[in-house]
Amino acid sequence: MSTWPHFPKLRFPNGLDAQGFLARYWQREPLLMRQALPGFENPLPGDELAGLACEPDVESRIILEQAEQGPWQVQHGPFDAERFAALPPSHWTLLVQDVDKHIAEIGALLDRFDFLPRWRIDDIMVSYAEDQGSVGPHVDDYDVFLIQAEGRRRWRIATDPRAPMALIPDLEIRVLRQFQADQEWLLEPGDILYLPPGVPHWGIAEGACQTWSVGLRAPAWRELADDWLAQVAERFTPPGRWQDRKSAPASNPAELDQASVQAMRAVIESGVAAAGLDAFTTWLGAWLTEPKLNLELEPPAPPWTEAEVISALEASQRFERDGRSLMLFAAPLALDARDTQESHHHVSLFANGREHALPAELVPLISLVANRRTLELSEVRAWLREPRARSLIADLFNAGHYLMVDVEDC
């Protein structure tokens, strides 16, 4: 795709705005939004999506509802042209994950969801289905906005909280054993169906169609705790081993005495207590921006000097963010006495798992860098007088976050 598509502004129904949507529907009730993206034109032809599924670093699947091996067969990419040519005329679906990261232009659609924190948005998954294609009735553990991009798809949902959730056993995908819908709609291009977590749903293509799923990220508490506590064990738990310099022999050798239990627990909890808000923020920012292995950036080789990077920005007038670039920032909000004093004076920019600690006066620049998909010279020119700002831009460029723009395209 050589030009950035123009995506319509998101329009909520029934006089709602973003605040009203969050107060009434977000994580509470499904919402059908007719022509939420009015005049939407699909910028991603089906053959280009199929070509993307042939790339080795792209996560893709084909779901066959009817196959010789049985229903709901899953095949994993990368695929080749011969595989697509051999597919049946109906009842199959191609799913391609992280399309926003592989095609940065598609990622521009996510700006329409800026009423949500950026860290909550996972990816845009694109589903191309031939007639009657689907992935079966299923339940997601996260919020999703189902955008009809091309053709028509009929969605059925079950809103009864007592709806059965048992799955068909021995399948690679999660398909509900029973599904009884109580609402259904036929979606056309520009329509969006919002579903909170836990709502059984089933979308079936009526003719060839393409659906974009904006999936939200909802980390599991166990997943968070597992990684954070591993950090605590590595960085904050006291070194050494258990010691007990007893002065009297054990009265009951098989007893796990309460003094030992409490002593062990106290040492372990001291590690958690020693890890303050600053350390937790640093870990969380890096954790949330850590990319998948197939989505790592490609730094320029050899690295450019700072002067070369700034000269290139001045010549081209802007850099474009790579679609795989993930950035968040944390302003200096340290409120915990256990945090270092330095944490009160710097802002942390997290970029694909790496923390950049910068002076707090650079917060406006950091916010600009983290939020924008382009780095416009006109918006950062004044900052280029700051050595730390110049160094940051060069560091991000050399890490692969920014791509050159041809001068003739400016």
Protein backbone atom coordinates (compact mmCIF):
# COMPACT_ATOMS: atom_id res chain seq x y z
CA MET A 1 0.00 0.00 0.00
CA SER A 2 1.65 3.21 -1.15
CA THR A 3 -0.73 5.78 0.36
CA TRP A 4 -2.26 6.11 3.79
CA PRO A 5 -5.99 5.31 3.68
CA HIS A 6 -8.44 7.86 5.02
CA PHE A 7 -10.58 6.24 7.67
CA PRO A 8 -13.83 7.99 8.59
CA LYS A 9 -14.27 9.28 12.10
CA LEU A 10 -15.95 6.86 14.48
CA ARG A 11 -19.63 7.67 14.96
CA PHE A 12 -21.54 6.30 17.93
CA PRO A 13 -25.31 5.66 17.57
CA ASN A 14 -28.26 7.05 19.45
CA GLY A 15 -26.62 10.33 20.34
CA LEU A 16 -23.84 8.59 22.24
CA ASP A 17 -20.33 9.92 22.47
CA ALA A 18 -17.21 8.14 23.72
CA GLN A 19 -18.00 9.01 27.33
CA GLY A 20 -21.55 7.72 27.03
CA PHE A 21 -20.36 4.52 25.38
CA LEU A 22 -17.86 3.87 28.16
CA ALA A 23 -20.42 4.58 30.88
CA ARG A 24 -23.20 2.44 29.46
CA TYR A 25 -21.78 -0.29 27.22
CA TRP A 26 -18.04 -0.77 27.78
CA GLN A 27 -17.51 -4.21 29.36
CA ARG A 28 -21.24 -4.34 30.09
CA GLU A 29 -23.44 -4.80 27.01
CA PRO A 30 -23.07 -5.49 23.28
CA LEU A 31 -23.74 -2.59 20.97
CA LEU A 32 -24.52 -2.61 17.26
CA MET A 33 -23.25 0.56 15.63
CA ARG A 34 -24.71 1.00 12.16
CA GLN A 35 -22.45 3.00 9.87
CA ALA A 36 -20.07 3.75 12.71
CA LEU A 37 -17.48 4.32 9.99
CA PRO A 38 -19.66 5.95 7.33
CA GLY A 39 -18.40 5.57 3.79
CA PHE A 40 -15.76 3.04 4.83
CA GLU A 41 -13.83 1.72 1.83
CA ASN A 42 -11.69 -1.36 2.31
CA PRO A 43 -8.06 -0.49 1.44
CA LEU A 44 -6.89 -4.10 1.72
CA PRO A 45 -7.87 -6.30 -1.25
CA GLY A 46 -8.29 -9.99 -0.58
CA ASP A 47 -5.35 -10.98 -2.76
CA GLU A 48 -3.08 -8.62 -0.81
CA LEU A 49 -4.26 -10.17 2.44
CA ALA A 50 -3.55 -13.63 1.00
CA GLY A 51 -0.10 -12.43 -0.01
CA LEU A 52 0.51 -11.28 3.54
CA ALA A 53 -0.43 -14.75 4.78
CA CYS A 54 2.35 -16.16 2.59
CA GLU A 55 5.03 -14.20 4.46
CA PRO A 56 7.10 -16.21 6.97
CA ASP A 57 6.90 -13.63 9.77
CA VAL A 58 3.11 -13.27 9.61
CA GLU A 59 0.82 -15.25 11.90
CA SER A 60 -2.04 -16.66 9.82
CA ARG A 61 -4.53 -19.52 9.84
CA ILE A 62 -7.09 -21.09 7.53
CA ILE A 63 -10.19 -22.51 9.22
CA LEU A 64 -12.05 -25.19 7.27
CA GLU A 65 -15.52 -25.84 8.62
CA GLN A 66 -15.87 -28.94 6.47
CA ALA A 67 -12.80 -31.07 5.75
CA GLU A 68 -11.93 -34.71 5.17
CA GLN A 69 -10.27 -34.87 8.60
CA GLY A 70 -13.42 -33.59 10.30
CA PRO A 71 -15.08 -30.23 11.05
CA TRP A 72 -13.23 -27.10 12.13
CA GLN A 73 -9.79 -28.02 10.81
CA VAL A 74 -7.02 -25.45 11.34
CA GLN A 75 -4.07 -24.96 9.02
CA HIS A 76 -1.23 -22.59 9.91
CA GLY A 77 0.70 -20.33 7.57
CA PRO A 78 2.81 -19.32 5.89
CA PHE A 79 0.82 -20.47 2.88
CA ASP A 80 1.53 -20.49 -0.83
CA ALA A 81 -0.56 -19.70 -3.89
CA GLU A 82 -1.23 -23.38 -4.53
CA ARG A 83 -2.90 -23.75 -1.13
CA PHE A 84 -5.34 -20.93 -1.84
CA ALA A 85 -6.08 -22.32 -5.31
CA ALA A 86 -7.04 -25.69 -3.77
CA LEU A 87 -9.55 -24.27 -1.26
CA PRO A 88 -13.25 -25.14 -1.66
CA PRO A 89 -15.74 -22.54 -2.92
CA SER A 90 -17.32 -22.04 0.53
CA HIS A 91 -17.10 -22.67 4.29
CA TRP A 92 -13.55 -21.49 4.89
CA THR A 93 -11.93 -18.49 6.55
CA LEU A 94 -8.47 -16.91 6.39
CA LEU A 95 -7.36 -15.17 9.61
CA VAL A 96 -4.33 -12.88 9.65
CA GLN A 97 -3.13 -11.47 12.99
CA ASP A 98 -1.43 -8.12 13.66
CA VAL A 99 -2.20 -6.68 10.25
CA ASP A 100 -1.81 -3.20 11.75
CA LYS A 101 1.81 -4.00 12.59
CA HIS A 102 2.69 -5.48 9.24
CA ILE A 103 0.93 -2.73 7.26
CA ALA A 104 1.37 0.53 9.14
CA GLU A 105 -1.29 2.25 7.04
CA ILE A 106 -3.92 -0.11 8.42
CA GLY A 107 -2.82 0.82 11.93
CA ALA A 108 -4.11 4.33 11.33
CA LEU A 109 -7.59 2.95 11.99
CA LEU A 110 -6.66 2.45 15.64
CA ASP A 111 -6.50 6.23 16.06
CA ARG A 112 -10.31 6.13 15.86
CA PHE A 113 -10.24 4.24 19.17
CA ASP A 114 -8.13 6.76 21.06
CA PHE A 115 -10.83 7.08 23.70
CA LEU A 116 -9.27 3.88 25.08
CA PRO A 117 -5.77 3.63 26.58
CA ARG A 118 -3.30 2.64 23.87
CA TRP A 119 -1.92 -0.23 25.95
CA ARG A 120 -5.36 -1.85 25.96
CA ILE A 121 -5.44 -2.25 22.17
CA ASP A 122 -3.88 -5.49 21.00
CA ASP A 123 -4.15 -5.71 17.23
CA ILE A 124 -6.29 -5.68 14.11
CA MET A 125 -7.01 -9.21 12.95
CA VAL A 126 -8.38 -9.41 9.42
CA SER A 127 -10.72 -12.24 8.51
CA TYR A 128 -11.50 -13.06 4.89
CA ALA A 129 -14.24 -15.64 4.42
CA GLU A 130 -15.90 -17.18 1.42
CA ASP A 131 -19.64 -17.83 1.53
CA GLN A 132 -20.71 -19.48 4.80
CA GLY A 133 -17.19 -19.23 6.18
CA SER A 134 -16.85 -18.82 9.94
CA VAL A 135 -14.78 -19.89 12.93
CA GLY A 136 -17.77 -21.33 14.74
CA PRO A 137 -19.68 -20.13 17.80
CA HIS A 138 -17.18 -19.05 20.44
CA VAL A 139 -16.49 -16.76 23.39
CA ASP A 140 -13.66 -14.25 23.74
CA ASP A 141 -12.00 -13.31 27.02
CA TYR A 142 -11.52 -9.72 25.86
CA ASP A 143 -13.48 -6.86 24.31
CA VAL A 144 -13.66 -6.74 20.54
CA PHE A 145 -14.93 -4.33 17.90
CA LEU A 146 -16.03 -6.28 14.81
CA ILE A 147 -15.79 -3.98 11.81
CA GLN A 148 -17.39 -5.05 8.56
CA ALA A 149 -14.89 -3.99 5.89
CA GLU A 150 -16.27 -5.66 2.77
CA GLY A 151 -19.26 -7.82 1.90
CA ARG A 152 -21.77 -8.95 4.50
CA ARG A 153 -21.59 -11.13 7.59
CA ARG A 154 -24.45 -12.26 9.79
CA TRP A 155 -23.70 -12.12 13.50
CA ARG A 156 -25.65 -14.02 16.11
CA ILE A 157 -25.05 -13.51 19.83
CA ALA A 158 -26.30 -15.05 23.08
CA THR A 159 -26.79 -12.59 25.93
CA ASP A 160 -28.20 -15.00 28.51
CA PRO A 161 -25.59 -15.16 31.31
CA ARG A 162 -26.62 -18.79 31.85
CA ALA A 163 -25.71 -19.76 28.28
CA PRO A 164 -23.68 -23.01 28.21
CA MET A 165 -19.96 -22.52 27.71
CA ALA A 166 -18.83 -26.13 27.17
CA LEU A 167 -16.54 -26.60 24.18
CA ILE A 168 -16.37 -29.29 21.53
CA PRO A 169 -13.45 -31.45 22.70
CA ASP A 170 -10.28 -32.20 20.75
CA LEU A 171 -10.39 -29.15 18.49
CA GLU A 172 -7.53 -26.73 17.96
CA ILE A 173 -9.93 -23.79 18.11
CA ARG A 174 -12.49 -23.05 20.82
CA VAL A 175 -15.93 -23.91 19.42
CA LEU A 176 -18.98 -24.02 21.69
CA ARG A 177 -20.74 -27.35 21.89
CA GLN A 178 -24.13 -25.62 22.16
CA PHE A 179 -25.16 -22.18 20.93
CA GLN A 180 -28.59 -20.59 21.14
CA ALA A 181 -28.71 -17.03 19.82
CA ASP A 182 -31.20 -14.46 21.04
CA GLN A 183 -30.09 -11.56 18.81
CA GLU A 184 -28.80 -11.38 15.25
CA TRP A 185 -27.85 -8.74 12.68
CA LEU A 186 -26.53 -8.60 9.14
CA LEU A 187 -23.54 -6.24 9.03
CA GLU A 188 -22.50 -4.28 5.95
CA PRO A 189 -19.38 -2.20 5.25
CA GLY A 190 -18.95 0.53 7.87
CA ASP A 191 -21.02 -1.26 10.53
CA ILE A 192 -19.40 -2.23 13.86
CA LEU A 193 -20.53 -4.71 16.46
CA TYR A 194 -18.98 -4.18 19.90
CA LEU A 195 -18.88 -7.20 22.19
CA PRO A 196 -17.69 -7.19 25.81
CA PRO A 197 -15.87 -10.26 27.16
CA GLY A 198 -17.81 -13.44 27.71
CA VAL A 199 -20.58 -12.99 25.10
CA PRO A 200 -21.03 -16.07 22.90
CA HIS A 201 -21.14 -15.08 19.24
CA TRP A 202 -21.07 -16.57 15.76
CA GLY A 203 -20.39 -14.70 12.54
CA ILE A 204 -21.17 -16.36 9.19
CA ALA A 205 -20.26 -14.84 5.82
CA GLU A 206 -23.08 -14.30 3.35
CA GLY A 207 -21.05 -14.30 0.20
CA ALA A 208 -17.35 -13.42 0.27
CA CYS A 209 -16.62 -10.88 2.98
CA GLN A 210 -13.87 -9.30 5.04
CA THR A 211 -14.13 -8.42 8.75
CA TRP A 212 -11.59 -6.50 10.80
CA SER A 213 -11.46 -7.34 14.51
CA VAL A 214 -10.01 -4.72 16.82
CA GLY A 215 -9.09 -6.91 19.76
CA LEU A 216 -8.47 -5.46 23.19
CA ARG A 217 -5.72 -6.63 25.49
CA ALA A 218 -6.73 -7.93 28.91
CA PRO A 219 -3.76 -9.49 30.71
CA ALA A 220 -4.60 -12.33 33.05
CA TRP A 221 -3.76 -11.64 36.68
CA ARG A 222 -1.79 -14.88 36.88
CA GLU A 223 0.24 -13.89 33.82
CA LEU A 224 1.05 -10.50 35.31
CA ALA A 225 1.87 -11.90 38.72
CA ASP A 226 4.07 -14.63 37.28
CA ASP A 227 6.31 -12.22 35.41
CA TRP A 228 6.36 -9.51 38.08
CA LEU A 229 7.19 -11.92 40.89
CA ALA A 230 9.99 -13.34 38.76
CA GLN A 231 11.37 -9.79 38.60
CA VAL A 232 10.98 -9.42 42.36
CA ALA A 233 12.83 -12.70 42.94
CA GLU A 234 15.67 -11.65 40.66
CA ARG A 235 16.08 -8.02 41.72
CA PHE A 236 14.72 -7.55 45.23
CA THR A 237 14.86 -10.84 47.10
CA PRO A 238 17.82 -10.99 49.52
CA PRO A 239 20.73 -13.18 48.42
CA GLY A 240 21.96 -16.18 50.30
CA ARG A 241 20.23 -19.17 51.80
CA TRP A 242 18.14 -20.11 54.78
CA GLN A 243 19.94 -20.12 58.12
CA ASP A 244 18.75 -21.25 61.55
CA ARG A 245 21.28 -21.02 64.36
CA LYS A 246 19.31 -22.94 66.93
CA SER A 247 20.39 -23.18 70.55
CA ALA A 248 18.24 -26.18 71.42
CA PRO A 249 17.57 -29.52 69.71
CA ALA A 250 14.28 -30.04 67.86
CA SER A 251 11.57 -31.39 70.13
CA ASN A 252 9.64 -32.90 67.20
CA PRO A 253 11.82 -33.35 64.07
CA ALA A 254 8.86 -33.94 61.70
CA GLU A 255 7.08 -30.70 62.66
CA LEU A 256 7.19 -27.69 60.36
CA ASP A 257 7.33 -25.16 63.15
CA GLN A 258 5.55 -21.83 62.91
CA ALA A 259 8.70 -19.85 63.65
CA SER A 260 10.35 -21.20 60.49
CA VAL A 261 7.20 -20.65 58.43
CA GLN A 262 6.90 -17.04 59.53
CA ALA A 263 10.60 -16.36 59.04
CA MET A 264 10.59 -17.69 55.48
CA ARG A 265 7.46 -15.78 54.59
CA ALA A 266 8.86 -12.58 56.06
CA VAL A 267 12.02 -12.76 53.91
CA ILE A 268 10.04 -13.43 50.73
CA GLU A 269 7.57 -10.64 51.46
CA SER A 270 10.46 -8.27 52.15
CA GLY A 271 11.40 -8.60 48.47
CA VAL A 272 7.90 -7.58 47.38
CA ALA A 273 7.96 -4.70 49.85
CA ALA A 274 11.34 -3.51 48.57
CA ALA A 275 10.01 -3.24 45.01
CA GLY A 276 8.36 0.16 44.96
CA LEU A 277 6.09 1.93 42.49
CA ASP A 278 8.99 3.09 40.35
CA ALA A 279 10.27 -0.45 39.85
CA PHE A 280 6.79 -1.76 39.14
CA THR A 281 6.15 0.96 36.55
CA THR A 282 9.45 0.22 34.83
CA TRP A 283 8.66 -3.47 34.67
CA LEU A 284 5.07 -2.95 33.51
CA GLY A 285 5.95 -0.48 30.76
CA ALA A 286 8.58 -2.82 29.38
CA TRP A 287 6.27 -5.83 29.70
CA LEU A 288 3.37 -4.15 27.89
CA THR A 289 5.54 -3.01 24.97
CA GLU A 290 7.54 -6.22 24.55
CA PRO A 291 6.81 -7.37 20.98
CA LYS A 292 6.10 -10.88 19.80
CA LEU A 293 9.13 -12.65 18.35
CA ASN A 294 7.74 -12.35 14.82
CA LEU A 295 7.18 -8.61 15.25
CA GLU A 296 10.65 -7.44 16.18
CA LEU A 297 11.94 -4.27 14.56
CA GLU A 298 14.69 -4.20 11.95
CA PRO A 299 17.34 -1.61 12.94
CA PRO A 300 19.37 0.01 10.16
CA ALA A 301 22.81 -1.50 9.69
CA PRO A 302 25.18 0.09 10.26
CA PRO A 303 23.65 2.56 12.74
CA TRP A 304 23.35 6.17 11.66
CA THR A 305 25.06 8.95 13.52
CA GLU A 306 22.89 11.44 15.36
CA ALA A 307 23.79 14.11 12.82
CA GLU A 308 22.78 11.85 9.92
CA VAL A 309 19.42 11.07 11.51
CA ILE A 310 18.59 14.71 12.16
CA SER A 311 19.72 15.70 8.67
CA ALA A 312 17.48 13.03 7.16
CA LEU A 313 14.52 14.28 9.20
CA GLU A 314 15.15 17.84 8.08
CA ALA A 315 15.42 16.75 4.45
CA SER A 316 12.30 14.57 4.38
CA GLN A 317 10.26 16.73 6.80
CA ARG A 318 8.95 13.65 8.63
CA PHE A 319 9.60 10.05 9.67
CA GLU A 320 6.90 7.40 9.70
CA ARG A 321 6.54 4.91 12.56
CA ASP A 322 7.05 1.28 11.72
CA GLY A 323 3.79 -0.59 12.35
CA ARG A 324 5.64 -2.88 14.77
CA SER A 325 6.70 0.05 16.95
CA LEU A 326 5.06 -0.05 20.40
CA MET A 327 5.41 2.98 22.64
CA LEU A 328 4.00 4.00 26.00
CA PHE A 329 5.22 6.54 28.51
CA ALA A 330 4.90 7.11 32.24
CA ALA A 331 5.06 10.65 33.54
CA PRO A 332 6.98 11.33 36.78
CA LEU A 333 4.32 10.30 39.28
CA ALA A 334 6.44 8.55 41.89
CA LEU A 335 4.53 8.72 45.17
CA ASP A 336 6.18 5.91 47.05
CA ALA A 337 8.92 6.62 49.59
CA ARG A 338 10.68 3.46 48.50
CA ASP A 339 11.17 4.82 44.97
CA THR A 340 14.41 6.51 44.08
CA GLN A 341 14.57 10.28 44.21
CA GLU A 342 15.62 10.31 40.57
CA SER A 343 12.20 8.88 39.62
CA HIS A 344 10.64 12.22 40.59
CA HIS A 345 12.66 13.98 37.92
CA HIS A 346 12.41 11.83 34.83
CA VAL A 347 9.81 10.51 32.43
CA SER A 348 10.04 6.95 31.14
CA LEU A 349 9.42 6.19 27.49
CA PHE A 350 8.90 2.48 26.86
CA ALA A 351 9.63 1.42 23.29
CA ASN A 352 9.37 -2.27 22.37
CA GLY A 353 10.44 -3.44 25.80
CA ARG A 354 13.19 -0.88 26.36
CA GLU A 355 12.99 2.01 28.83
CA HIS A 356 14.33 5.45 27.93
CA ALA A 357 14.68 7.55 31.08
CA LEU A 358 14.51 11.23 30.11
CA PRO A 359 14.26 14.59 31.87
CA ALA A 360 10.74 15.44 32.98
CA GLU A 361 10.79 18.65 30.94
CA LEU A 362 10.66 16.47 27.81
CA VAL A 363 7.17 15.17 28.68
CA PRO A 364 5.48 17.14 25.84
CA LEU A 365 7.91 15.69 23.31
CA ILE A 366 7.60 12.17 24.74
CA SER A 367 3.81 12.38 24.56
CA LEU A 368 4.06 13.51 20.94
CA VAL A 369 6.46 10.72 20.02
CA ALA A 370 4.43 8.01 21.73
CA ASN A 371 1.04 9.09 20.36
CA ARG A 372 1.79 9.99 16.75
CA ARG A 373 2.29 7.65 13.83
CA THR A 374 4.49 10.22 12.12
CA LEU A 375 7.28 12.37 13.49
CA GLU A 376 6.74 15.74 11.80
CA LEU A 377 9.71 18.08 11.63
CA SER A 378 7.37 21.06 12.05
CA GLU A 379 6.23 19.69 15.43
CA VAL A 380 9.65 18.79 16.83
CA ARG A 381 11.88 21.46 15.28
CA ALA A 382 12.06 23.47 18.50
CA TRP A 383 13.02 20.36 20.45
CA LEU A 384 16.00 19.69 18.20
CA ARG A 385 17.93 22.32 20.15
CA GLU A 386 17.83 19.97 23.16
CA PRO A 387 20.68 17.43 23.13
CA ARG A 388 18.60 14.78 24.91
CA ALA A 389 15.78 15.20 22.40
CA ARG A 390 18.13 14.81 19.45
CA SER A 391 19.69 11.77 21.07
CA LEU A 392 16.27 10.19 21.68
CA ILE A 393 15.17 10.62 18.07
CA ALA A 394 18.44 9.11 16.86
CA ASP A 395 18.13 6.21 19.31
CA LEU A 396 14.59 5.44 18.19
CA PHE A 397 15.57 5.63 14.53
CA ASN A 398 18.50 3.29 15.06
CA ALA A 399 16.26 0.86 16.94
CA GLY A 400 14.01 0.66 13.87
CA HIS A 401 11.00 2.61 15.14
CA TYR A 402 11.10 5.13 12.31
CA LEU A 403 11.25 4.72 8.55
CA MET A 404 12.55 7.16 5.98
CA VAL A 405 10.07 9.03 3.79
CA ASP A 406 10.98 9.75 0.19
CA VAL A 407 11.37 13.47 -0.32
CA GLU A 408 9.18 13.42 -3.43
CA ASP A 409 6.33 11.99 -1.35
CA CYS A 410 6.39 14.92 1.07
